[in-house]
Amino acid sequence: MSAIFMFSVIIISVILMIIAISKFKIHPFIVLTVVAIVVGLVCGIDSETVISKVKSGFGSILASIGIVILAGTIIGTILEKTGAALTMANSILKIVGKKRSALT
């Protein structure tokens, strides 16, 4: 496979990912997984190797940042349930003012 072909495949896949996620509101995890598999197959890698690489890549990412995501989710849920998140948001609004808040 030529470098131009592979570069074209990458550019087209990035454009398709952006469209699928932003316009069609497909979950990014699904889009990234499907595109990774399709790009591997289009570039001539056999299906067994593609699936193996996607699985090992997902496993290594989950192993390295899974604990951080889990801890962040737990802390965020606790802040929301106790009302601390709302208190923090109101305190920040008092400091910066409603005119300078980006979300209002």
Foldseek 3Di string as FASTA:
>chain_A
DDPVVLVVLVVVLVVVLCCCCPPVVDDSVVSVLVSQQVSCVVVPHDNVVSVVVSVVVVVVVCVVCVVVVVVVVVVVVVCVVVVVVVVVVVVVCVVPPPVPDPPD
